[in-house]
Amino acid sequence: MTRFIVEQVRSLGLVPIIGYYQPYRAAPSLSVPSYRLLRGKIGKQQHQVFDGVEAHALGTWLPELEFTHYLPTHLWKDLLSSCEYHVSVSGNCLAATPYLSTNKPFWAWVATPWHDDRKDRVRSFPLLRRCLDKVINSPAILRLERKIVSTGNVIAVSQYTRKTLNNIVDYDAVKDIMPVPVDAHFFTPKNNSKYNRSVGFVGRLDDPRKNIELFIDAIAYCHKNNHPISATLIGGTISHTLRSKIQKLALTEHIKTVDWVETGQLPNYLTAMDAFIIPSHQEGLCIAALEAMSCGIPVISTRCGGPEEYVIHEKTGLLVDSNADAVGNALLHVVNNRKFHRRLSEQARKIVVTRYTLETVKTAFENSFRNTFD
């Protein structure tokens, strides 16, 4: 998302400068936690990204409290004062906090509400952190989120995100939708009719929202019913618990896990799949699924939000209940019915080319940007 916005800002003749909170675990020297409060000093690191774009990694006070990550410290104020236009690109609204707190007009592109983005992760927090989160962190952030949604020009990545953000403020504050674009010239079908009886998923495998356990259970269901399917999980390292589950189900030879794949190699992995599975509890959009569809790969998805906008049941893919039997049966229906698979494949590619291309989204961005700042 950030790279796309950088490219569009440049195309308007503007110079992009990026500022972001650097997590404490990544750079503890930049932030000041509670035990160093009386003797610490927040800092920043400057570097370059995206072929020479100036970027600033900023620290904060009390990083233990999530709502402090984007408080308008002197570092943020100095950075904002050097810029004419203010844009936020993030998973949730919080990155727009410096603009809200300094009364800057802003444009924000948001993937998901704050609560939906993290509710599965909270369950794994230690007891003390959960208590702190409930009593201090959550109330402060939810107030911030409501103010951001009602104050700035907030753009949602999907109808689902738009609806859930509007529910936060109880009126239609978020009016525009701009999906993350797909390069349909790069993610393109292969000209062959080979079927590999292979499925996959691309995403952060350590994110509990992705519900990778359901993916594993669906593959186990297929094998239990004498339909051997191979699978590939791409996106980091899965937990020890899930790896043990794969071993216990005797699926070690059938489920392959791959760390992050270079963008240039991703189409090769996607086009080797007969289907792409979204097992998630919640998704704002799921960009990887759109990239798979651009490659002509049908998507089987749980009813988890954003994907319901483009996974049209029995047209571009299949929408199913969140259980192993439903996902497994849908998978077998797609893989074993070649005529049905071809029809889904053609329509999956068509919907991406019609709605989600770079050209379409670029026009939407330019119109929205000008309406915000002109």
Protein backbone atom coordinates (compact mmCIF):
# COMPACT_ATOMS: atom_id res chain seq x y z
CA MET A 1 0.00 0.00 0.00
CA THR A 2 2.79 2.40 0.94
CA ARG A 3 4.78 1.74 -2.21
CA PHE A 4 1.70 2.40 -4.36
CA ILE A 5 1.00 5.72 -2.63
CA VAL A 6 4.65 6.77 -2.96
CA GLU A 7 4.49 6.11 -6.69
CA GLN A 8 1.25 8.06 -7.08
CA VAL A 9 2.52 11.01 -5.03
CA ARG A 10 5.58 11.15 -7.26
CA SER A 11 3.38 11.06 -10.36
CA LEU A 12 1.66 14.23 -9.07
CA GLY A 13 5.01 16.00 -8.99
CA LEU A 14 5.33 15.88 -5.20
CA VAL A 15 8.23 14.67 -3.06
CA PRO A 16 7.19 11.90 -0.62
CA ILE A 17 8.63 11.77 2.89
CA ILE A 18 7.75 8.83 5.13
CA GLY A 19 7.44 8.88 8.90
CA TYR A 20 6.51 5.89 11.05
CA TYR A 21 6.68 4.59 14.58
CA GLN A 22 9.54 2.12 14.94
CA PRO A 23 8.39 -0.69 17.29
CA TYR A 24 10.28 -0.87 20.56
CA ARG A 25 11.26 -4.48 19.97
CA ALA A 26 12.96 -3.46 16.70
CA ALA A 27 14.80 -0.39 18.03
CA PRO A 28 14.68 -0.11 21.86
CA SER A 29 17.08 2.83 21.85
CA LEU A 30 14.56 5.10 20.10
CA SER A 31 11.76 4.87 22.68
CA VAL A 32 11.54 5.40 26.42
CA PRO A 33 9.60 2.78 28.40
CA SER A 34 8.24 3.41 31.90
CA TYR A 35 11.33 2.16 33.74
CA ARG A 36 13.51 4.71 31.89
CA LEU A 37 11.04 7.57 31.96
CA LEU A 38 13.09 9.92 34.13
CA ARG A 39 16.39 9.39 32.35
CA GLY A 40 15.51 8.61 28.74
CA LYS A 41 15.22 10.55 25.50
CA ILE A 42 13.24 9.57 22.41
CA GLY A 43 15.07 9.46 19.10
CA LYS A 44 14.76 8.85 15.40
CA GLN A 45 16.66 7.19 12.57
CA GLN A 46 16.69 8.49 9.01
CA HIS A 47 17.17 6.19 6.05
CA GLN A 48 15.97 5.64 2.49
CA VAL A 49 13.34 3.30 1.04
CA PHE A 50 11.67 2.79 -2.33
CA ASP A 51 14.53 4.01 -4.51
CA GLY A 52 15.60 7.02 -2.51
CA VAL A 53 12.50 8.11 -0.56
CA GLU A 54 13.44 9.84 2.70
CA ALA A 55 12.10 7.84 5.65
CA HIS A 56 12.11 8.57 9.38
CA ALA A 57 11.76 5.86 12.04
CA LEU A 58 10.51 7.58 15.20
CA GLY A 59 10.47 6.48 18.81
CA THR A 60 7.95 7.39 21.50
CA TRP A 61 7.35 7.71 25.22
CA LEU A 62 5.83 4.72 27.03
CA PRO A 63 5.75 2.28 24.10
CA GLU A 64 3.99 -0.23 26.40
CA LEU A 65 0.82 1.78 25.84
CA GLU A 66 -0.13 1.36 22.21
CA PHE A 67 -1.99 4.67 21.94
CA THR A 68 1.31 6.50 22.60
CA HIS A 69 2.98 5.21 19.44
CA TYR A 70 1.81 8.14 17.31
CA LEU A 71 1.47 10.91 19.89
CA PRO A 72 2.60 14.27 18.41
CA THR A 73 6.03 14.49 20.02
CA HIS A 74 8.48 17.18 18.90
CA LEU A 75 9.89 14.63 16.44
CA TRP A 76 6.51 14.26 14.73
CA LYS A 77 5.82 18.00 14.81
CA ASP A 78 9.17 18.82 13.19
CA LEU A 79 8.54 16.25 10.46
CA LEU A 80 4.97 17.38 9.79
CA SER A 81 5.97 21.03 9.59
CA SER A 82 8.28 20.20 6.67
CA CYS A 83 5.41 18.77 4.59
CA GLU A 84 2.52 20.42 2.75
CA TYR A 85 0.20 17.41 2.41
CA HIS A 86 -0.44 14.70 4.99
CA VAL A 87 -1.30 11.12 4.11
CA SER A 88 -1.70 8.04 6.29
CA VAL A 89 -1.36 4.49 4.96
CA SER A 90 -1.77 1.71 7.50
CA GLY A 91 -3.61 -1.36 8.65
CA ASN A 92 -5.79 0.71 10.99
CA CYS A 93 -6.45 4.40 11.62
CA LEU A 94 -3.90 5.05 14.36
CA ALA A 95 -1.10 6.19 12.06
CA ALA A 96 -3.16 9.35 11.40
CA THR A 97 -2.95 10.38 15.08
CA PRO A 98 -0.17 13.00 14.55
CA TYR A 99 -2.34 14.76 11.94
CA LEU A 100 -5.41 14.71 14.16
CA SER A 101 -3.48 15.97 17.18
CA THR A 102 -1.91 18.87 15.26
CA ASN A 103 -5.08 19.82 13.35
CA LYS A 104 -3.63 18.95 9.95
CA PRO A 105 -6.05 18.09 7.12
CA PHE A 106 -5.30 14.49 6.18
CA TRP A 107 -6.10 11.66 3.80
CA ALA A 108 -6.01 8.15 5.34
CA TRP A 109 -6.14 4.78 3.58
CA VAL A 110 -7.26 2.11 6.05
CA ALA A 111 -7.46 -1.68 5.78
CA THR A 112 -9.38 -2.64 8.91
CA PRO A 113 -10.77 -1.34 12.22
CA TRP A 114 -8.33 -1.38 15.13
CA HIS A 115 -10.25 -3.93 17.21
CA ASP A 116 -10.71 -6.38 14.33
CA ASP A 117 -7.03 -6.08 13.44
CA ARG A 118 -5.86 -7.35 16.82
CA LYS A 119 -8.61 -9.17 18.73
CA ASP A 120 -7.12 -12.59 17.99
CA ARG A 121 -3.64 -11.51 19.09
CA VAL A 122 -4.91 -10.16 22.41
CA ARG A 123 -5.83 -13.67 23.55
CA SER A 124 -2.15 -14.59 23.65
CA PHE A 125 -1.11 -11.55 25.73
CA PRO A 126 0.16 -12.16 29.30
CA LEU A 127 -2.44 -11.49 31.99
CA LEU A 128 -0.90 -8.18 33.09
CA ARG A 129 -0.81 -6.88 29.53
CA ARG A 130 -4.42 -7.93 28.93
CA CYS A 131 -5.49 -6.03 32.05
CA LEU A 132 -3.52 -2.95 30.98
CA ASP A 133 -5.02 -3.23 27.53
CA LYS A 134 -8.58 -3.42 28.82
CA VAL A 135 -8.35 -0.63 31.38
CA ILE A 136 -6.10 1.95 29.66
CA ASN A 137 -5.08 1.10 26.13
CA SER A 138 -8.35 0.07 24.48
CA PRO A 139 -10.51 2.96 25.76
CA ALA A 140 -7.92 5.53 24.66
CA ILE A 141 -7.44 4.01 21.22
CA LEU A 142 -11.13 3.58 20.53
CA ARG A 143 -11.67 7.28 21.30
CA LEU A 144 -8.80 8.15 18.96
CA GLU A 145 -10.18 5.94 16.22
CA ARG A 146 -13.62 7.57 16.41
CA LYS A 147 -12.08 11.04 16.15
CA ILE A 148 -9.88 10.07 13.20
CA VAL A 149 -12.75 8.50 11.27
CA SER A 150 -14.99 11.50 11.83
CA THR A 151 -12.31 14.16 11.18
CA GLY A 152 -10.18 13.18 8.21
CA ASN A 153 -10.88 11.93 4.71
CA VAL A 154 -10.70 8.21 5.48
CA ILE A 155 -10.68 5.80 2.54
CA ALA A 156 -11.47 2.10 3.08
CA VAL A 157 -9.93 -0.77 1.14
CA SER A 158 -13.26 -2.62 0.89
CA GLN A 159 -16.99 -2.37 1.48
CA TYR A 160 -16.50 -4.42 4.62
CA THR A 161 -13.95 -1.97 6.03
CA ARG A 162 -16.13 1.00 5.12
CA LYS A 163 -19.13 -0.51 6.89
CA THR A 164 -17.23 -1.44 10.05
CA LEU A 165 -15.54 1.97 10.31
CA ASN A 166 -18.88 3.72 9.88
CA ASN A 167 -20.35 1.53 12.59
CA ILE A 168 -17.76 2.98 14.97
CA VAL A 169 -19.09 6.52 14.54
CA ASP A 170 -22.73 5.61 13.78
CA TYR A 171 -22.91 7.57 10.52
CA ASP A 172 -21.51 7.47 6.98
CA ALA A 173 -18.22 9.23 7.70
CA VAL A 174 -16.27 6.93 5.34
CA LYS A 175 -17.75 7.34 1.87
CA ASP A 176 -15.02 6.23 -0.53
CA ILE A 177 -13.50 2.82 -1.21
CA MET A 178 -10.12 2.28 -2.83
CA PRO A 179 -8.88 -1.31 -2.98
CA VAL A 180 -5.22 -2.21 -3.06
CA PRO A 181 -4.37 -2.55 -6.77
CA VAL A 182 -3.05 -5.62 -8.52
CA ASP A 183 -0.58 -5.53 -11.40
CA ALA A 184 -2.57 -7.71 -13.79
CA HIS A 185 0.29 -7.61 -16.31
CA PHE A 186 2.66 -9.13 -13.76
CA PHE A 187 0.23 -11.51 -12.06
CA THR A 188 -1.05 -13.32 -15.12
CA PRO A 189 -2.21 -16.90 -15.88
CA LYS A 190 0.20 -19.42 -17.30
CA ASN A 191 -0.65 -20.79 -20.71
CA ASN A 192 -0.96 -24.42 -19.74
CA SER A 193 -3.66 -26.79 -18.59
CA LYS A 194 -1.63 -28.71 -16.03
CA TYR A 195 -3.35 -29.49 -12.71
CA ASN A 196 -1.15 -30.15 -9.72
CA ARG A 197 -3.74 -31.04 -7.05
CA SER A 198 -2.06 -28.31 -5.05
CA VAL A 199 -3.47 -25.46 -2.99
CA GLY A 200 -1.95 -22.65 -0.99
CA PHE A 201 -2.13 -19.53 1.11
CA VAL A 202 0.06 -16.41 1.28
CA GLY A 203 0.05 -14.18 4.36
CA ARG A 204 1.52 -13.69 7.81
CA LEU A 205 1.50 -17.23 9.14
CA ASP A 206 2.11 -16.03 12.70
CA ASP A 207 -1.01 -13.84 12.68
CA PRO A 208 -3.82 -15.65 14.56
CA ARG A 209 -6.40 -13.87 12.37
CA LYS A 210 -5.25 -16.01 9.45
CA ASN A 211 -6.53 -19.16 11.21
CA ILE A 212 -3.90 -21.44 9.67
CA GLU A 213 -5.13 -24.30 11.84
CA LEU A 214 -8.30 -24.44 9.70
CA PHE A 215 -6.15 -24.65 6.55
CA ILE A 216 -4.29 -27.64 8.01
CA ASP A 217 -7.52 -29.31 9.12
CA ALA A 218 -9.01 -28.91 5.63
CA ILE A 219 -6.00 -30.63 4.05
CA ALA A 220 -6.29 -33.40 6.65
CA TYR A 221 -9.99 -33.80 5.76
CA CYS A 222 -9.08 -34.33 2.09
CA HIS A 223 -6.48 -36.97 2.93
CA LYS A 224 -8.84 -38.71 5.33
CA ASN A 225 -11.31 -39.04 2.48
CA ASN A 226 -8.66 -40.52 0.16
CA HIS A 227 -8.05 -37.36 -1.86
CA PRO A 228 -4.33 -36.54 -1.50
CA ILE A 229 -3.74 -32.81 -1.83
CA SER A 230 -0.44 -30.98 -1.54
CA ALA A 231 -0.35 -27.54 0.03
CA THR A 232 1.99 -24.57 0.37
CA LEU A 233 1.90 -21.98 3.16
CA ILE A 234 3.90 -18.85 2.34
CA GLY A 235 4.65 -16.08 4.80
CA GLY A 236 7.15 -16.66 7.56
CA THR A 237 7.27 -19.36 10.20
CA ILE A 238 4.30 -21.17 11.68
CA SER A 239 4.13 -21.82 15.40
CA HIS A 240 5.56 -24.90 17.06
CA THR A 241 2.00 -25.93 17.94
CA LEU A 242 0.88 -25.90 14.30
CA ARG A 243 4.03 -27.67 13.12
CA SER A 244 3.41 -30.38 15.70
CA LYS A 245 -0.16 -30.65 14.47
CA ILE A 246 1.06 -31.18 10.90
CA GLN A 247 3.37 -33.94 12.12
CA LYS A 248 0.65 -35.57 14.21
CA LEU A 249 -1.68 -35.66 11.20
CA ALA A 250 1.09 -37.22 9.06
CA LEU A 251 1.02 -34.26 6.68
CA THR A 252 4.67 -33.24 6.85
CA GLU A 253 5.31 -34.41 3.29
CA HIS A 254 2.13 -32.78 2.01
CA ILE A 255 2.20 -29.29 3.58
CA LYS A 256 5.19 -27.17 2.68
CA THR A 257 5.98 -23.92 4.50
CA VAL A 258 7.96 -21.17 2.79
CA ASP A 259 9.39 -17.97 4.24
CA TRP A 260 8.74 -14.66 2.54
CA VAL A 261 8.99 -14.92 -1.23
CA GLU A 262 10.47 -12.17 -3.38
CA THR A 263 7.71 -10.41 -5.29
CA GLY A 264 9.28 -11.40 -8.59
CA GLN A 265 8.91 -15.10 -7.71
CA LEU A 266 5.42 -14.99 -6.26
CA PRO A 267 3.55 -15.58 -9.57
CA ASN A 268 5.46 -18.84 -9.99
CA TYR A 269 4.12 -20.08 -6.66
CA LEU A 270 0.59 -18.87 -7.31
CA THR A 271 0.28 -20.37 -10.78
CA ALA A 272 1.38 -23.74 -9.39
CA MET A 273 -1.78 -23.78 -7.24
CA ASP A 274 -5.15 -25.16 -8.30
CA ALA A 275 -6.87 -23.08 -5.61
CA PHE A 276 -6.05 -20.39 -3.06
CA ILE A 277 -7.58 -20.82 0.40
CA ILE A 278 -8.46 -17.96 2.78
CA PRO A 279 -9.10 -19.65 6.16
CA SER A 280 -9.11 -16.35 8.09
CA HIS A 281 -11.27 -15.16 10.94
CA GLN A 282 -11.11 -11.63 9.52
CA GLU A 283 -9.65 -9.89 6.47
CA GLY A 284 -9.90 -6.27 5.40
CA LEU A 285 -9.17 -7.30 1.80
CA CYS A 286 -6.49 -10.04 1.40
CA ILE A 287 -4.26 -8.73 -1.37
CA ALA A 288 -2.59 -12.10 -1.99
CA ALA A 289 -5.94 -13.64 -2.91
CA LEU A 290 -6.51 -10.94 -5.52
CA GLU A 291 -3.04 -11.62 -6.92
CA ALA A 292 -3.93 -15.32 -7.12
CA MET A 293 -7.18 -14.51 -8.93
CA SER A 294 -5.25 -12.32 -11.35
CA CYS A 295 -3.24 -15.47 -12.12
CA GLY A 296 -6.50 -17.30 -12.81
CA ILE A 297 -6.52 -19.19 -9.51
CA PRO A 298 -9.97 -19.67 -7.89
CA VAL A 299 -10.29 -18.68 -4.24
CA ILE A 300 -12.03 -20.62 -1.49
CA SER A 301 -12.73 -18.29 1.41
CA THR A 302 -14.42 -18.25 4.75
CA ARG A 303 -16.92 -15.43 5.27
CA CYS A 304 -14.36 -13.15 6.86
CA GLY A 305 -15.09 -9.67 5.54
CA GLY A 306 -13.20 -8.11 2.63
CA PRO A 307 -12.90 -11.23 0.41
CA GLU A 308 -16.70 -11.50 0.21
CA GLU A 309 -16.55 -8.54 -2.16
CA TYR A 310 -14.67 -10.40 -4.89
CA VAL A 311 -15.06 -14.09 -4.03
CA ILE A 312 -18.46 -14.45 -5.64
CA HIS A 313 -19.87 -17.84 -4.77
CA GLU A 314 -19.68 -20.32 -7.65
CA LYS A 315 -18.54 -17.56 -10.02
CA THR A 316 -15.01 -16.49 -9.03
CA GLY A 317 -14.61 -18.95 -6.15
CA LEU A 318 -16.48 -20.43 -3.21
CA LEU A 319 -17.58 -18.90 0.10
CA VAL A 320 -17.81 -21.46 2.89
CA ASP A 321 -18.41 -21.83 6.60
CA SER A 322 -15.39 -21.76 8.88
CA ASN A 323 -14.96 -25.48 9.49
CA ALA A 324 -12.71 -28.16 8.02
CA ASP A 325 -15.50 -30.17 6.37
CA ALA A 326 -16.82 -27.12 4.49
CA VAL A 327 -13.39 -25.93 3.35
CA GLY A 328 -12.27 -29.46 2.46
CA ASN A 329 -15.40 -30.26 0.44
CA ALA A 330 -15.16 -26.95 -1.43
CA LEU A 331 -11.52 -27.64 -2.18
CA LEU A 332 -12.27 -31.09 -3.58
CA HIS A 333 -15.15 -29.71 -5.64
CA VAL A 334 -12.82 -27.19 -7.29
CA VAL A 335 -9.85 -29.51 -7.77
CA ASN A 336 -11.80 -32.53 -9.03
CA ASN A 337 -14.19 -30.71 -11.35
CA ARG A 338 -12.01 -29.38 -14.16
CA LYS A 339 -14.81 -27.75 -16.14
CA PHE A 340 -15.97 -25.93 -13.01
CA HIS A 341 -12.36 -24.97 -12.22
CA ARG A 342 -11.83 -23.44 -15.67
CA ARG A 343 -15.01 -21.37 -15.35
CA LEU A 344 -13.99 -20.07 -11.93
CA SER A 345 -10.50 -19.34 -13.23
CA GLU A 346 -11.78 -17.23 -16.14
CA GLN A 347 -14.16 -15.23 -13.97
CA ALA A 348 -11.55 -14.74 -11.23
CA ARG A 349 -9.16 -13.17 -13.73
CA LYS A 350 -11.95 -11.08 -15.24
CA ILE A 351 -13.06 -9.48 -11.97
CA VAL A 352 -9.49 -8.43 -11.14
CA VAL A 353 -8.96 -6.90 -14.58
CA THR A 354 -12.30 -5.09 -14.30
CA ARG A 355 -12.10 -3.71 -10.75
CA TYR A 356 -8.63 -3.97 -9.25
CA THR A 357 -6.03 -2.88 -11.80
CA LEU A 358 -3.36 -0.27 -11.18
CA GLU A 359 -4.97 2.05 -13.71
CA THR A 360 -8.39 1.92 -12.04
CA VAL A 361 -7.09 2.49 -8.53
CA LYS A 362 -4.68 5.23 -9.65
CA THR A 363 -7.61 7.26 -10.98
CA ALA A 364 -9.51 6.76 -7.73
CA PHE A 365 -6.51 7.96 -5.71
CA GLU A 366 -5.96 11.10 -7.77
CA ASN A 367 -9.61 12.11 -7.51
CA SER A 368 -9.74 11.48 -3.77
CA PHE A 369 -6.42 13.23 -3.09
CA ARG A 370 -7.43 16.35 -5.01
CA ASN A 371 -10.83 16.46 -3.32
CA THR A 372 -9.10 16.38 0.06
CA PHE A 373 -6.48 19.05 -0.46
CA ASP A 374 -7.64 21.33 -3.29
